[in-house]
Amino acid sequence: MKEIITCKNLCLSYKEKEVLKNLELHIQEGDYYVLCGANGSGKSSLVKAILNVTFYDGEVMLFSKKMSNETQADLLDNISVVFENPNRNLVCETVYDELKFPLKNRKYKKLEYDKEIQDCAKKLGIETLLFLPTYVLSGGEKQLVAFASAIITKPKLLILDEPFTMLDGITKDKLMRSIKKYYKDTKCTILHITHDVEDILYGKTVGILKEGKIVSSISKEEFIQDDKIAKEGGMKLPFMADLSLKLKYYNLLSEPILDMNKMVDQLWK
């Protein structure tokens, strides 16, 4: 399995303060990697370094290629980003034009536009939004459109930079179902940046970013079964993982259960 993202000895300073400190990051092709860290830990700076939009020391490789001015454009054709604030993603007047924009940038044929847009909108359930102005959309609708715009070109690497921060629980659940389905269908690589420890449950691999360094990078299963790892990273376990460990300690569960309904069913047996 080859690496999609490789960062070695990555250092970055801002206003004479070290933001990233000899950071090492290795993400395998096809992984769903959740990188969790508190505000100020360096998450946004890492995204900027990966996208080559800031000056840094060290090495960043994408798809086994070193970042440079010559390769950057080609590499970014295979990457899409969904930001915390959907207004940073939206640049066109209507939703339809918003979805057409990345197709034009990636040199799709004009005859393909409508089919690709309709197919993508149908998958995400936003067909009724296609001809609305983007400025009339709710925050949740904007984020769904931003996600649609990010995946319509079928990128090999999808970066989710705090995508749920501005969403309510119901809208977050809807967007997460779309993300999980997309991941399952395409086998793409996802880097999910978050400050919310609960988001760890969505991934396959967990990285903990603390004070500019990745202090842990392990499978989700390893992470949720040992609260010491979370504590060392200055974090708490997700609620369901923490509850499972406590119930397991009292021999009420034999293994962690992360779904509340399944846990209730198991306890009632």
C-alpha atoms as a PDB file:
ATOM      1  CA  MET A   1       0.000   0.000   0.000  1.00  0.00           C
ATOM      2  CA  LYS A   2       1.517   3.326  -1.040  1.00  0.00           C
ATOM      3  CA  GLU A   3       1.384   6.564   0.917  1.00  0.00           C
ATOM      4  CA  ILE A   4      -0.830   9.399  -0.310  1.00  0.00           C
ATOM      5  CA  ILE A   5       0.554  11.981   2.149  1.00  0.00           C
ATOM      6  CA  THR A   6       4.045  11.974   3.588  1.00  0.00           C
ATOM      7  CA  CYS A   7       5.352  14.773   5.811  1.00  0.00           C
ATOM      8  CA  LYS A   8       8.877  14.583   7.232  1.00  0.00           C
ATOM      9  CA  ASN A   9      10.537  17.023   9.629  1.00  0.00           C
ATOM     10  CA  LEU A  10       7.816  19.540   8.814  1.00  0.00           C
ATOM     11  CA  CYS A  11       8.400  22.858  10.567  1.00  0.00           C
ATOM     12  CA  LEU A  12       6.385  26.050  10.276  1.00  0.00           C
ATOM     13  CA  SER A  13       6.565  29.303  12.223  1.00  0.00           C
ATOM     14  CA  TYR A  14       4.103  32.180  12.436  1.00  0.00           C
ATOM     15  CA  LYS A  15       4.996  35.518  14.030  1.00  0.00           C
ATOM     16  CA  GLU A  16       8.141  33.969  15.533  1.00  0.00           C
ATOM     17  CA  LYS A  17       6.128  31.164  17.124  1.00  0.00           C
ATOM     18  CA  GLU A  18       6.705  27.541  16.147  1.00  0.00           C
ATOM     19  CA  VAL A  19       3.384  26.147  14.904  1.00  0.00           C
ATOM     20  CA  LEU A  20       4.594  22.814  13.496  1.00  0.00           C
ATOM     21  CA  LYS A  21       7.648  21.173  15.073  1.00  0.00           C
ATOM     22  CA  ASN A  22       9.403  18.445  13.068  1.00  0.00           C
ATOM     23  CA  LEU A  23       6.030  16.930  12.339  1.00  0.00           C
ATOM     24  CA  GLU A  24       5.854  13.429  10.852  1.00  0.00           C
ATOM     25  CA  LEU A  25       2.706  12.291   9.059  1.00  0.00           C
ATOM     26  CA  HIS A  26       2.122   9.178   6.957  1.00  0.00           C
ATOM     27  CA  ILE A  27      -1.294   8.466   5.418  1.00  0.00           C
ATOM     28  CA  GLN A  28      -1.835   5.340   3.366  1.00  0.00           C
ATOM     29  CA  GLU A  29      -3.866   5.152   0.178  1.00  0.00           C
ATOM     30  CA  GLY A  30      -7.508   4.325   0.918  1.00  0.00           C
ATOM     31  CA  ASP A  31      -7.326   5.305   4.596  1.00  0.00           C
ATOM     32  CA  TYR A  32      -9.872   7.423   6.459  1.00  0.00           C
ATOM     33  CA  TYR A  33      -7.481   9.315   8.711  1.00  0.00           C
ATOM     34  CA  VAL A  34      -8.939  11.482  11.466  1.00  0.00           C
ATOM     35  CA  LEU A  35      -6.440  14.036  12.771  1.00  0.00           C
ATOM     36  CA  CYS A  36      -7.709  15.445  16.049  1.00  0.00           C
ATOM     37  CA  GLY A  37      -6.268  18.332  18.000  1.00  0.00           C
ATOM     38  CA  ALA A  38      -7.306  21.233  20.201  1.00  0.00           C
ATOM     39  CA  ASN A  39      -7.563  24.779  18.856  1.00  0.00           C
ATOM     40  CA  GLY A  40      -4.059  26.139  18.332  1.00  0.00           C
ATOM     41  CA  SER A  41      -2.457  22.706  17.914  1.00  0.00           C
ATOM     42  CA  GLY A  42      -1.489  23.416  14.290  1.00  0.00           C
ATOM     43  CA  LYS A  43      -4.290  21.750  12.308  1.00  0.00           C
ATOM     44  CA  SER A  44      -4.973  24.609   9.886  1.00  0.00           C
ATOM     45  CA  SER A  45      -1.261  25.210   9.383  1.00  0.00           C
ATOM     46  CA  LEU A  46      -0.790  21.567   8.452  1.00  0.00           C
ATOM     47  CA  VAL A  47      -3.531  21.785   5.812  1.00  0.00           C
ATOM     48  CA  LYS A  48      -1.878  24.894   4.347  1.00  0.00           C
ATOM     49  CA  ALA A  49       1.456  23.084   4.178  1.00  0.00           C
ATOM     50  CA  ILE A  50      -0.084  20.058   2.480  1.00  0.00           C
ATOM     51  CA  LEU A  51      -1.733  22.324  -0.085  1.00  0.00           C
ATOM     52  CA  ASN A  52       1.557  24.214  -0.517  1.00  0.00           C
ATOM     53  CA  VAL A  53       0.004  27.611   0.209  1.00  0.00           C
ATOM     54  CA  THR A  54       2.414  28.552   2.985  1.00  0.00           C
ATOM     55  CA  PHE A  55       6.185  28.527   3.498  1.00  0.00           C
ATOM     56  CA  TYR A  56       7.567  25.643   5.538  1.00  0.00           C
ATOM     57  CA  ASP A  57      10.758  23.714   6.194  1.00  0.00           C
ATOM     58  CA  GLY A  58      10.946  19.965   5.733  1.00  0.00           C
ATOM     59  CA  GLU A  59       9.401  17.677   3.148  1.00  0.00           C
ATOM     60  CA  VAL A  60       5.822  17.199   1.952  1.00  0.00           C
ATOM     61  CA  MET A  61       5.048  14.489  -0.582  1.00  0.00           C
ATOM     62  CA  LEU A  62       1.669  13.858  -2.210  1.00  0.00           C
ATOM     63  CA  PHE A  63       1.071  10.729  -4.267  1.00  0.00           C
ATOM     64  CA  SER A  64       4.799   9.959  -3.834  1.00  0.00           C
ATOM     65  CA  LYS A  65       5.807  13.270  -5.451  1.00  0.00           C
ATOM     66  CA  LYS A  66       7.630  16.133  -3.745  1.00  0.00           C
ATOM     67  CA  MET A  67       5.692  19.371  -3.689  1.00  0.00           C
ATOM     68  CA  SER A  68       7.056  21.973  -6.110  1.00  0.00           C
ATOM     69  CA  ASN A  69       5.717  24.694  -8.356  1.00  0.00           C
ATOM     70  CA  GLU A  70       5.994  22.318 -11.299  1.00  0.00           C
ATOM     71  CA  THR A  71       3.996  19.478  -9.743  1.00  0.00           C
ATOM     72  CA  GLN A  72       1.595  21.454  -7.555  1.00  0.00           C
ATOM     73  CA  ALA A  73      -1.064  22.071 -10.245  1.00  0.00           C
ATOM     74  CA  ASP A  74      -1.131  18.410 -11.312  1.00  0.00           C
ATOM     75  CA  LEU A  75      -1.306  17.181  -7.732  1.00  0.00           C
ATOM     76  CA  LEU A  76      -4.101  19.563  -6.742  1.00  0.00           C
ATOM     77  CA  ASP A  77      -6.208  18.214  -9.619  1.00  0.00           C
ATOM     78  CA  ASN A  78      -6.492  15.042  -7.538  1.00  0.00           C
ATOM     79  CA  ILE A  79      -7.321  16.820  -4.255  1.00  0.00           C
ATOM     80  CA  SER A  80     -10.504  18.451  -3.007  1.00  0.00           C
ATOM     81  CA  VAL A  81     -11.041  20.341   0.246  1.00  0.00           C
ATOM     82  CA  VAL A  82     -14.171  21.034   2.299  1.00  0.00           C
ATOM     83  CA  PHE A  83     -13.591  23.895   4.737  1.00  0.00           C
ATOM     84  CA  GLU A  84     -15.200  24.688   8.085  1.00  0.00           C
ATOM     85  CA  ASN A  85     -16.961  27.729   6.636  1.00  0.00           C
ATOM     86  CA  PRO A  86     -18.824  26.700   3.446  1.00  0.00           C
ATOM     87  CA  ASN A  87     -18.673  30.295   2.190  1.00  0.00           C
ATOM     88  CA  ARG A  88     -14.959  29.667   1.545  1.00  0.00           C
ATOM     89  CA  ASN A  89     -15.933  26.900  -0.896  1.00  0.00           C
ATOM     90  CA  LEU A  90     -18.775  28.659  -2.708  1.00  0.00           C
ATOM     91  CA  VAL A  91     -17.816  31.071  -5.492  1.00  0.00           C
ATOM     92  CA  CYS A  92     -20.732  31.030  -7.969  1.00  0.00           C
ATOM     93  CA  GLU A  93     -24.218  32.562  -7.996  1.00  0.00           C
ATOM     94  CA  THR A  94     -26.247  29.336  -8.296  1.00  0.00           C
ATOM     95  CA  VAL A  95     -25.783  25.803  -7.000  1.00  0.00           C
ATOM     96  CA  TYR A  96     -25.735  24.450 -10.557  1.00  0.00           C
ATOM     97  CA  ASP A  97     -22.909  26.800 -11.518  1.00  0.00           C
ATOM     98  CA  GLU A  98     -21.120  25.903  -8.288  1.00  0.00           C
ATOM     99  CA  LEU A  99     -21.044  22.240  -9.302  1.00  0.00           C
ATOM    100  CA  LYS A 100     -20.115  23.102 -12.882  1.00  0.00           C
ATOM    101  CA  PHE A 101     -17.141  25.212 -11.799  1.00  0.00           C
ATOM    102  CA  PRO A 102     -14.816  22.323 -10.769  1.00  0.00           C
ATOM    103  CA  LEU A 103     -15.800  20.366 -13.885  1.00  0.00           C
ATOM    104  CA  LYS A 104     -14.678  23.290 -16.056  1.00  0.00           C
ATOM    105  CA  ASN A 105     -11.433  23.594 -14.091  1.00  0.00           C
ATOM    106  CA  ARG A 106     -10.679  19.889 -14.567  1.00  0.00           C
ATOM    107  CA  LYS A 107     -11.305  20.118 -18.327  1.00  0.00           C
ATOM    108  CA  TYR A 108     -14.466  17.985 -18.452  1.00  0.00           C
ATOM    109  CA  LYS A 109     -16.298  18.094 -21.777  1.00  0.00           C
ATOM    110  CA  LYS A 110     -19.301  20.434 -21.887  1.00  0.00           C
ATOM    111  CA  LEU A 111     -21.568  17.551 -22.873  1.00  0.00           C
ATOM    112  CA  GLU A 112     -20.668  15.842 -19.574  1.00  0.00           C
ATOM    113  CA  TYR A 113     -21.585  18.776 -17.320  1.00  0.00           C
ATOM    114  CA  ASP A 114     -25.298  18.163 -16.907  1.00  0.00           C
ATOM    115  CA  LYS A 115     -25.036  14.410 -16.352  1.00  0.00           C
ATOM    116  CA  GLU A 116     -22.273  14.744 -13.759  1.00  0.00           C
ATOM    117  CA  ILE A 117     -24.141  17.520 -11.927  1.00  0.00           C
ATOM    118  CA  GLN A 118     -27.472  15.679 -11.897  1.00  0.00           C
ATOM    119  CA  ASP A 119     -25.835  12.423 -10.753  1.00  0.00           C
ATOM    120  CA  CYS A 120     -23.930  14.120  -7.935  1.00  0.00           C
ATOM    121  CA  ALA A 121     -26.979  16.112  -6.792  1.00  0.00           C
ATOM    122  CA  LYS A 122     -29.121  12.968  -6.742  1.00  0.00           C
ATOM    123  CA  LYS A 123     -26.586  11.066  -4.621  1.00  0.00           C
ATOM    124  CA  LEU A 124     -26.613  13.840  -2.008  1.00  0.00           C
ATOM    125  CA  GLY A 125     -30.336  14.631  -2.228  1.00  0.00           C
ATOM    126  CA  ILE A 126     -29.846  18.251  -3.303  1.00  0.00           C
ATOM    127  CA  GLU A 127     -31.656  18.140  -6.660  1.00  0.00           C
ATOM    128  CA  THR A 128     -34.160  20.756  -5.494  1.00  0.00           C
ATOM    129  CA  LEU A 129     -31.340  23.193  -4.717  1.00  0.00           C
ATOM    130  CA  LEU A 130     -29.658  23.138  -8.122  1.00  0.00           C
ATOM    131  CA  PHE A 131     -31.125  26.341  -9.528  1.00  0.00           C
ATOM    132  CA  LEU A 132     -31.273  28.325  -6.298  1.00  0.00           C
ATOM    133  CA  PRO A 133     -28.873  31.199  -5.583  1.00  0.00           C
ATOM    134  CA  THR A 134     -26.197  30.051  -3.155  1.00  0.00           C
ATOM    135  CA  TYR A 135     -26.821  33.041  -0.882  1.00  0.00           C
ATOM    136  CA  VAL A 136     -30.359  31.858   0.022  1.00  0.00           C
ATOM    137  CA  LEU A 137     -29.171  28.478   1.294  1.00  0.00           C
ATOM    138  CA  SER A 138     -29.026  27.590   4.981  1.00  0.00           C
ATOM    139  CA  GLY A 139     -25.658  26.812   6.547  1.00  0.00           C
ATOM    140  CA  GLY A 140     -26.303  23.076   6.334  1.00  0.00           C
ATOM    141  CA  GLU A 141     -27.379  23.292   2.692  1.00  0.00           C
ATOM    142  CA  LYS A 142     -24.269  25.317   1.863  1.00  0.00           C
ATOM    143  CA  GLN A 143     -22.056  22.663   3.423  1.00  0.00           C
ATOM    144  CA  LEU A 144     -23.806  19.908   1.452  1.00  0.00           C
ATOM    145  CA  VAL A 145     -23.250  21.907  -1.746  1.00  0.00           C
ATOM    146  CA  ALA A 146     -19.611  22.483  -0.778  1.00  0.00           C
ATOM    147  CA  PHE A 147     -19.216  18.734  -0.291  1.00  0.00           C
ATOM    148  CA  ALA A 148     -20.909  18.047  -3.649  1.00  0.00           C
ATOM    149  CA  SER A 149     -18.556  20.515  -5.333  1.00  0.00           C
ATOM    150  CA  ALA A 150     -15.587  18.787  -3.711  1.00  0.00           C
ATOM    151  CA  ILE A 151     -16.463  15.244  -4.788  1.00  0.00           C
ATOM    152  CA  ILE A 152     -18.007  15.828  -8.236  1.00  0.00           C
ATOM    153  CA  THR A 153     -14.598  15.411  -9.916  1.00  0.00           C
ATOM    154  CA  LYS A 154     -13.936  12.186  -7.962  1.00  0.00           C
ATOM    155  CA  PRO A 155     -10.702  13.272  -6.231  1.00  0.00           C
ATOM    156  CA  LYS A 156      -8.187  10.707  -5.009  1.00  0.00           C
ATOM    157  CA  LEU A 157      -7.671  12.691  -1.799  1.00  0.00           C
ATOM    158  CA  LEU A 158     -10.449  14.481   0.076  1.00  0.00           C
ATOM    159  CA  ILE A 159      -9.488  16.833   2.913  1.00  0.00           C
ATOM    160  CA  LEU A 160     -12.227  17.708   5.397  1.00  0.00           C
ATOM    161  CA  ASP A 161     -11.091  20.723   7.429  1.00  0.00           C
ATOM    162  CA  GLU A 162     -13.461  20.984  10.430  1.00  0.00           C
ATOM    163  CA  PRO A 163     -16.498  20.331   8.164  1.00  0.00           C
ATOM    164  CA  PHE A 164     -19.078  20.007  10.958  1.00  0.00           C
ATOM    165  CA  THR A 165     -18.308  23.001  13.186  1.00  0.00           C
ATOM    166  CA  MET A 166     -21.170  25.192  11.891  1.00  0.00           C
ATOM    167  CA  LEU A 167     -23.753  22.388  11.608  1.00  0.00           C
ATOM    168  CA  ASP A 168     -26.498  21.218  13.944  1.00  0.00           C
ATOM    169  CA  GLY A 169     -26.677  17.551  14.916  1.00  0.00           C
ATOM    170  CA  ILE A 170     -29.245  16.531  12.298  1.00  0.00           C
ATOM    171  CA  THR A 171     -27.424  18.218   9.408  1.00  0.00           C
ATOM    172  CA  LYS A 172     -24.091  16.839  10.614  1.00  0.00           C
ATOM    173  CA  ASP A 173     -25.553  13.340  10.615  1.00  0.00           C
ATOM    174  CA  LYS A 174     -26.874  13.809   7.076  1.00  0.00           C
ATOM    175  CA  LEU A 175     -23.533  15.080   5.781  1.00  0.00           C
ATOM    176  CA  MET A 176     -21.630  12.320   7.573  1.00  0.00           C
ATOM    177  CA  ARG A 177     -23.807   9.647   5.987  1.00  0.00           C
ATOM    178  CA  SER A 178     -23.003  11.159   2.585  1.00  0.00           C
ATOM    179  CA  ILE A 179     -19.276  11.210   3.366  1.00  0.00           C
ATOM    180  CA  LYS A 180     -19.272   7.581   4.567  1.00  0.00           C
ATOM    181  CA  LYS A 181     -21.187   6.428   1.493  1.00  0.00           C
ATOM    182  CA  TYR A 182     -18.804   8.313  -0.790  1.00  0.00           C
ATOM    183  CA  TYR A 183     -15.812   6.769   0.989  1.00  0.00           C
ATOM    184  CA  LYS A 184     -17.272   3.281   0.693  1.00  0.00           C
ATOM    185  CA  ASP A 185     -18.181   3.683  -2.978  1.00  0.00           C
ATOM    186  CA  THR A 186     -14.952   5.295  -4.214  1.00  0.00           C
ATOM    187  CA  LYS A 187     -12.253   3.884  -1.896  1.00  0.00           C
ATOM    188  CA  CYS A 188     -10.651   7.339  -1.943  1.00  0.00           C
ATOM    189  CA  THR A 189      -8.350   8.625   0.802  1.00  0.00           C
ATOM    190  CA  ILE A 190      -9.823  11.006   3.379  1.00  0.00           C
ATOM    191  CA  LEU A 191      -7.954  13.276   5.787  1.00  0.00           C
ATOM    192  CA  HIS A 192     -10.471  14.544   8.327  1.00  0.00           C
ATOM    193  CA  ILE A 193      -9.193  17.442  10.467  1.00  0.00           C
ATOM    194  CA  THR A 194     -11.168  18.114  13.644  1.00  0.00           C
ATOM    195  CA  HIS A 195     -11.077  19.421  17.212  1.00  0.00           C
ATOM    196  CA  ASP A 196     -14.088  17.255  18.168  1.00  0.00           C
ATOM    197  CA  VAL A 197     -12.967  13.939  19.647  1.00  0.00           C
ATOM    198  CA  GLU A 198     -16.355  12.410  18.753  1.00  0.00           C
ATOM    199  CA  ASP A 199     -15.393  12.585  15.057  1.00  0.00           C
ATOM    200  CA  ILE A 200     -12.708   9.977  15.716  1.00  0.00           C
ATOM    201  CA  LEU A 201     -15.401   7.299  15.565  1.00  0.00           C
ATOM    202  CA  TYR A 202     -15.879   7.945  11.831  1.00  0.00           C
ATOM    203  CA  GLY A 203     -12.334   7.038  10.811  1.00  0.00           C
ATOM    204  CA  LYS A 204     -10.057   4.041  10.406  1.00  0.00           C
ATOM    205  CA  THR A 205      -6.844   5.647  11.670  1.00  0.00           C
ATOM    206  CA  VAL A 206      -6.479   8.267  14.395  1.00  0.00           C
ATOM    207  CA  GLY A 207      -3.765  10.874  14.701  1.00  0.00           C
ATOM    208  CA  ILE A 208      -3.465  13.166  17.722  1.00  0.00           C
ATOM    209  CA  LEU A 209      -1.906  16.578  17.098  1.00  0.00           C
ATOM    210  CA  LYS A 210      -0.574  18.379  20.160  1.00  0.00           C
ATOM    211  CA  GLU A 211       1.520  21.541  20.217  1.00  0.00           C
ATOM    212  CA  GLY A 212       2.625  21.152  16.619  1.00  0.00           C
ATOM    213  CA  LYS A 213       3.543  17.456  16.783  1.00  0.00           C
ATOM    214  CA  ILE A 214       1.662  14.245  16.064  1.00  0.00           C
ATOM    215  CA  VAL A 215       2.007  12.404  19.354  1.00  0.00           C
ATOM    216  CA  SER A 216       0.018   9.333  18.340  1.00  0.00           C
ATOM    217  CA  SER A 217      -1.004   7.670  15.063  1.00  0.00           C
ATOM    218  CA  ILE A 218      -2.813   4.350  15.508  1.00  0.00           C
ATOM    219  CA  SER A 219      -5.912   2.456  14.439  1.00  0.00           C
ATOM    220  CA  LYS A 220      -9.266   3.585  15.787  1.00  0.00           C
ATOM    221  CA  GLU A 221      -9.669   0.227  17.545  1.00  0.00           C
ATOM    222  CA  GLU A 222      -6.392   0.674  19.419  1.00  0.00           C
ATOM    223  CA  PHE A 223      -7.259   4.235  20.366  1.00  0.00           C
ATOM    224  CA  ILE A 224     -10.717   3.576  21.832  1.00  0.00           C
ATOM    225  CA  GLN A 225      -9.529   0.658  23.967  1.00  0.00           C
ATOM    226  CA  ASP A 226      -6.876   2.585  25.873  1.00  0.00           C
ATOM    227  CA  ASP A 227      -7.768   5.911  27.492  1.00  0.00           C
ATOM    228  CA  LYS A 228      -4.099   6.486  28.352  1.00  0.00           C
ATOM    229  CA  ILE A 229      -3.377   7.312  24.707  1.00  0.00           C
ATOM    230  CA  ALA A 230      -6.083   9.975  24.679  1.00  0.00           C
ATOM    231  CA  LYS A 231      -4.876  11.451  27.980  1.00  0.00           C
ATOM    232  CA  GLU A 232      -1.287  11.641  26.740  1.00  0.00           C
ATOM    233  CA  GLY A 233      -2.582  13.626  23.781  1.00  0.00           C
ATOM    234  CA  GLY A 234      -4.462  15.978  26.107  1.00  0.00           C
ATOM    235  CA  MET A 235      -7.854  14.619  25.032  1.00  0.00           C
ATOM    236  CA  LYS A 236     -10.757  12.560  26.298  1.00  0.00           C
ATOM    237  CA  LEU A 237     -12.155   9.441  24.663  1.00  0.00           C
ATOM    238  CA  PRO A 238     -15.380   9.791  22.665  1.00  0.00           C
ATOM    239  CA  PHE A 239     -18.383   9.364  24.974  1.00  0.00           C
ATOM    240  CA  MET A 240     -19.414   5.925  23.676  1.00  0.00           C
ATOM    241  CA  ALA A 241     -15.844   4.622  23.785  1.00  0.00           C
ATOM    242  CA  ASP A 242     -15.395   5.873  27.352  1.00  0.00           C
ATOM    243  CA  LEU A 243     -18.725   4.371  28.429  1.00  0.00           C
ATOM    244  CA  SER A 244     -17.832   1.042  26.798  1.00  0.00           C
ATOM    245  CA  LEU A 245     -14.525   0.867  28.659  1.00  0.00           C
ATOM    246  CA  LYS A 246     -16.225   1.528  31.989  1.00  0.00           C
ATOM    247  CA  LEU A 247     -18.909  -1.103  31.358  1.00  0.00           C
ATOM    248  CA  LYS A 248     -16.248  -3.555  30.229  1.00  0.00           C
ATOM    249  CA  TYR A 249     -14.339  -2.925  33.464  1.00  0.00           C
ATOM    250  CA  TYR A 250     -17.431  -4.066  35.408  1.00  0.00           C
ATOM    251  CA  ASN A 251     -17.830  -7.095  33.102  1.00  0.00           C
ATOM    252  CA  LEU A 252     -21.066  -5.730  31.638  1.00  0.00           C
ATOM    253  CA  LEU A 253     -19.606  -5.760  28.119  1.00  0.00           C
ATOM    254  CA  SER A 254     -17.097  -8.115  26.551  1.00  0.00           C
ATOM    255  CA  GLU A 255     -15.944  -5.612  23.906  1.00  0.00           C
ATOM    256  CA  PRO A 256     -16.441  -1.929  23.095  1.00  0.00           C
ATOM    257  CA  ILE A 257     -19.744  -1.011  21.463  1.00  0.00           C
ATOM    258  CA  LEU A 258     -19.868   2.409  19.828  1.00  0.00           C
ATOM    259  CA  ASP A 259     -23.531   2.474  18.827  1.00  0.00           C
ATOM    260  CA  MET A 260     -25.950   3.443  21.611  1.00  0.00           C
ATOM    261  CA  ASN A 261     -28.845   1.288  20.345  1.00  0.00           C
ATOM    262  CA  LYS A 262     -26.616  -1.771  20.019  1.00  0.00           C
ATOM    263  CA  MET A 263     -25.254  -1.163  23.519  1.00  0.00           C
ATOM    264  CA  VAL A 264     -28.744  -0.949  25.012  1.00  0.00           C
ATOM    265  CA  ASP A 265     -29.722  -4.172  23.246  1.00  0.00           C
ATOM    266  CA  GLN A 266     -26.619  -5.909  24.558  1.00  0.00           C
ATOM    267  CA  LEU A 267     -27.187  -4.744  28.149  1.00  0.00           C
ATOM    268  CA  TRP A 268     -30.820  -5.852  28.083  1.00  0.00           C
ATOM    269  CA  LYS A 269     -29.947  -9.450  27.094  1.00  0.00           C
END
